[in-house]
Amino acid sequence: MWKFYGLAAFVIALDQWTKWLVVKNMTLGEQIMIWDPYFALLSHRNRGAAWGMLQGQIGFFAVITVVVIVAIIYYFHKEAKGKPLFQVGLMLLLGGAIGNFIDRLWKGEVVDFVDVLIPVVNYDFPIFNIADAALTLGVVVVIIFILREERAEKKKVK
């Protein structure tokens, strides 16, 4: 069971390393086009939540993040035993939550840098980072796990 914490540690390390590279090597607002016109690196800072909501609410985010981290660890140890898909989803969530929490605690803002552009509809997806991607993937994995569990329960009832 403890081996799954390695996944969370990997997410945290990758997240912090990539953010460090961006801060060290790019000026704020600098953009490096990787796959024109679809994908770029863009040095950006966010003092809020996803899509810039709740700007400057660092205390609120600290409390919420601690509650989320405790809940993830609780569910991991009490509900996820023997359920590797659920364990992976929870560890992705844990790594992502801690990755952005570190930024908020030490910098007062989150370093974002992944810029996805969708030129067909002239849309620039909100800039994100590895922690955000892990959080999103973690939610998807947990939803898939829940749907599979519900399907298995329905089959048992029949």
Protein backbone atom coordinates (compact mmCIF):
# COMPACT_ATOMS: atom_id res chain seq x y z
CA MET A 1 0.00 0.00 0.00
CA TRP A 2 2.83 2.40 0.84
CA LYS A 3 4.34 1.99 -2.63
CA PHE A 4 1.52 4.15 -3.99
CA TYR A 5 2.90 7.10 -2.04
CA GLY A 6 5.82 6.94 -4.47
CA LEU A 7 3.43 8.07 -7.21
CA ALA A 8 2.44 11.13 -5.17
CA ALA A 9 6.12 11.84 -4.45
CA PHE A 10 6.93 11.55 -8.16
CA VAL A 11 4.15 14.01 -9.06
CA ILE A 12 5.38 16.47 -6.42
CA ALA A 13 9.01 16.18 -7.54
CA LEU A 14 8.17 16.53 -11.25
CA ASP A 15 5.85 19.45 -10.54
CA GLN A 16 8.37 21.33 -8.42
CA TRP A 17 11.25 20.62 -10.81
CA THR A 18 9.35 21.86 -13.87
CA LYS A 19 8.20 24.98 -12.02
CA TRP A 20 11.78 25.63 -10.89
CA LEU A 21 12.97 25.32 -14.50
CA VAL A 22 10.37 27.83 -15.67
CA VAL A 23 11.17 30.35 -12.92
CA LYS A 24 14.92 29.94 -13.41
CA ASN A 25 14.96 30.08 -17.23
CA MET A 26 12.00 32.21 -18.32
CA THR A 27 10.93 35.74 -17.54
CA LEU A 28 7.38 36.29 -16.36
CA GLY A 29 5.13 36.44 -19.42
CA GLU A 30 7.72 34.88 -21.73
CA GLN A 31 6.30 32.36 -24.19
CA ILE A 32 8.17 29.58 -25.98
CA MET A 33 6.19 28.02 -28.81
CA ILE A 34 6.70 24.24 -28.76
CA TRP A 35 4.17 23.09 -31.36
CA ASP A 36 2.87 26.09 -33.25
CA PRO A 37 -0.02 26.95 -33.00
CA TYR A 38 -1.19 24.31 -30.47
CA PHE A 39 1.20 24.18 -27.55
CA ALA A 40 3.54 26.59 -25.80
CA LEU A 41 5.32 27.17 -22.53
CA LEU A 42 4.23 30.45 -20.95
CA SER A 43 5.67 31.70 -17.67
CA HIS A 44 2.65 32.72 -15.64
CA ARG A 45 1.75 33.14 -11.95
CA ASN A 46 -1.63 32.53 -10.36
CA ARG A 47 -2.60 33.83 -6.92
CA GLY A 48 -5.99 32.11 -7.09
CA ALA A 49 -7.53 28.77 -7.93
CA ALA A 50 -8.25 27.20 -11.30
CA TRP A 51 -8.85 29.76 -14.04
CA GLY A 52 -7.74 32.54 -11.68
CA MET A 53 -10.77 32.34 -9.39
CA LEU A 54 -10.53 33.64 -5.81
CA GLN A 55 -7.36 35.66 -6.36
CA GLY A 56 -5.27 36.30 -3.25
CA GLN A 57 -7.20 33.99 -0.89
CA ILE A 58 -4.07 32.22 0.38
CA GLY A 59 -5.46 31.50 3.86
CA PHE A 60 -8.62 29.99 2.42
CA PHE A 61 -6.59 27.77 0.07
CA ALA A 62 -4.30 26.67 2.90
CA VAL A 63 -7.23 25.49 5.05
CA ILE A 64 -9.02 23.81 2.14
CA THR A 65 -5.82 22.09 0.97
CA VAL A 66 -5.05 20.70 4.42
CA VAL A 67 -8.62 19.34 4.68
CA VAL A 68 -8.32 17.79 1.20
CA ILE A 69 -4.94 16.21 2.00
CA VAL A 70 -6.28 14.71 5.24
CA ALA A 71 -9.38 13.40 3.41
CA ILE A 72 -7.28 11.84 0.64
CA ILE A 73 -5.01 10.08 3.13
CA TYR A 74 -8.02 8.89 5.16
CA TYR A 75 -9.76 7.46 2.08
CA PHE A 76 -6.51 5.93 0.88
CA HIS A 77 -6.04 3.98 4.11
CA LYS A 78 -9.69 3.25 4.98
CA GLU A 79 -11.46 2.80 1.63
CA ALA A 80 -8.87 2.07 -1.05
CA LYS A 81 -7.21 -1.11 0.28
CA GLY A 82 -7.08 -3.70 -2.48
CA LYS A 83 -8.39 -1.20 -5.04
CA PRO A 84 -5.35 -0.17 -7.10
CA LEU A 85 -7.28 2.10 -9.49
CA PHE A 86 -8.72 4.04 -6.56
CA GLN A 87 -5.28 4.16 -4.93
CA VAL A 88 -3.68 5.58 -8.08
CA GLY A 89 -6.41 8.21 -8.42
CA LEU A 90 -6.04 9.28 -4.80
CA MET A 91 -2.25 9.50 -5.04
CA LEU A 92 -2.49 11.64 -8.18
CA LEU A 93 -4.83 13.93 -6.25
CA LEU A 94 -2.47 13.98 -3.27
CA GLY A 95 0.59 14.79 -5.38
CA GLY A 96 -1.23 17.54 -7.24
CA ALA A 97 -2.67 19.08 -4.09
CA ILE A 98 0.71 19.11 -2.33
CA GLY A 99 2.52 20.41 -5.42
CA ASN A 100 0.39 23.54 -5.64
CA PHE A 101 0.28 23.85 -1.82
CA ILE A 102 4.07 24.11 -1.74
CA ASP A 103 3.92 27.01 -4.21
CA ARG A 104 1.24 28.83 -2.23
CA LEU A 105 3.14 28.43 1.05
CA TRP A 106 6.60 29.40 -0.22
CA LYS A 107 5.80 31.83 -3.02
CA GLY A 108 2.28 33.06 -2.29
CA GLU A 109 1.34 32.10 -5.84
CA VAL A 110 1.32 29.08 -8.13
CA VAL A 111 3.68 28.84 -11.10
CA ASP A 112 1.78 27.85 -14.26
CA PHE A 113 3.40 27.27 -17.64
CA VAL A 114 1.53 24.81 -19.91
CA ASP A 115 -0.36 26.76 -22.55
CA VAL A 116 -2.67 24.78 -24.84
CA LEU A 117 -4.18 26.63 -27.77
CA ILE A 118 -7.10 25.45 -29.90
CA PRO A 119 -6.93 27.62 -33.04
CA VAL A 120 -9.93 26.01 -34.76
CA VAL A 121 -12.24 27.67 -32.24
CA ASN A 122 -9.82 30.47 -31.34
CA TYR A 123 -9.55 29.26 -27.72
CA ASP A 124 -6.59 29.56 -25.36
CA PHE A 125 -7.09 26.97 -22.59
CA PRO A 126 -6.25 28.28 -19.10
CA ILE A 127 -2.54 27.92 -18.34
CA PHE A 128 -1.74 25.06 -15.97
CA ASN A 129 1.10 23.00 -14.48
CA ILE A 130 1.99 19.38 -13.65
CA ALA A 131 0.13 19.52 -10.30
CA ASP A 132 -3.03 20.74 -12.06
CA ALA A 133 -2.72 17.96 -14.65
CA ALA A 134 -2.29 15.37 -11.87
CA LEU A 135 -5.35 16.73 -10.06
CA THR A 136 -7.43 16.52 -13.22
CA LEU A 137 -6.19 13.03 -14.08
CA GLY A 138 -6.76 11.95 -10.47
CA VAL A 139 -10.38 13.09 -10.61
CA VAL A 140 -10.89 11.22 -13.89
CA VAL A 141 -9.36 8.03 -12.45
CA VAL A 142 -11.50 8.25 -9.30
CA ILE A 143 -14.65 8.79 -11.40
CA ILE A 144 -13.78 5.78 -13.57
CA PHE A 145 -13.24 3.72 -10.41
CA ILE A 146 -16.61 4.81 -8.96
CA LEU A 147 -18.44 4.04 -12.21
CA ARG A 148 -16.82 0.59 -12.39
CA GLU A 149 -17.75 -0.10 -8.76
CA GLU A 150 -21.35 0.95 -9.39
CA ARG A 151 -21.54 -1.28 -12.46
CA ALA A 152 -20.14 -4.22 -10.47
CA GLU A 153 -22.68 -3.61 -7.68
CA LYS A 154 -25.57 -3.58 -10.19
CA LYS A 155 -24.37 -6.90 -11.61
CA LYS A 156 -24.31 -8.40 -8.12
CA VAL A 157 -27.88 -7.31 -7.45
CA LYS A 158 -29.21 -8.95 -10.65
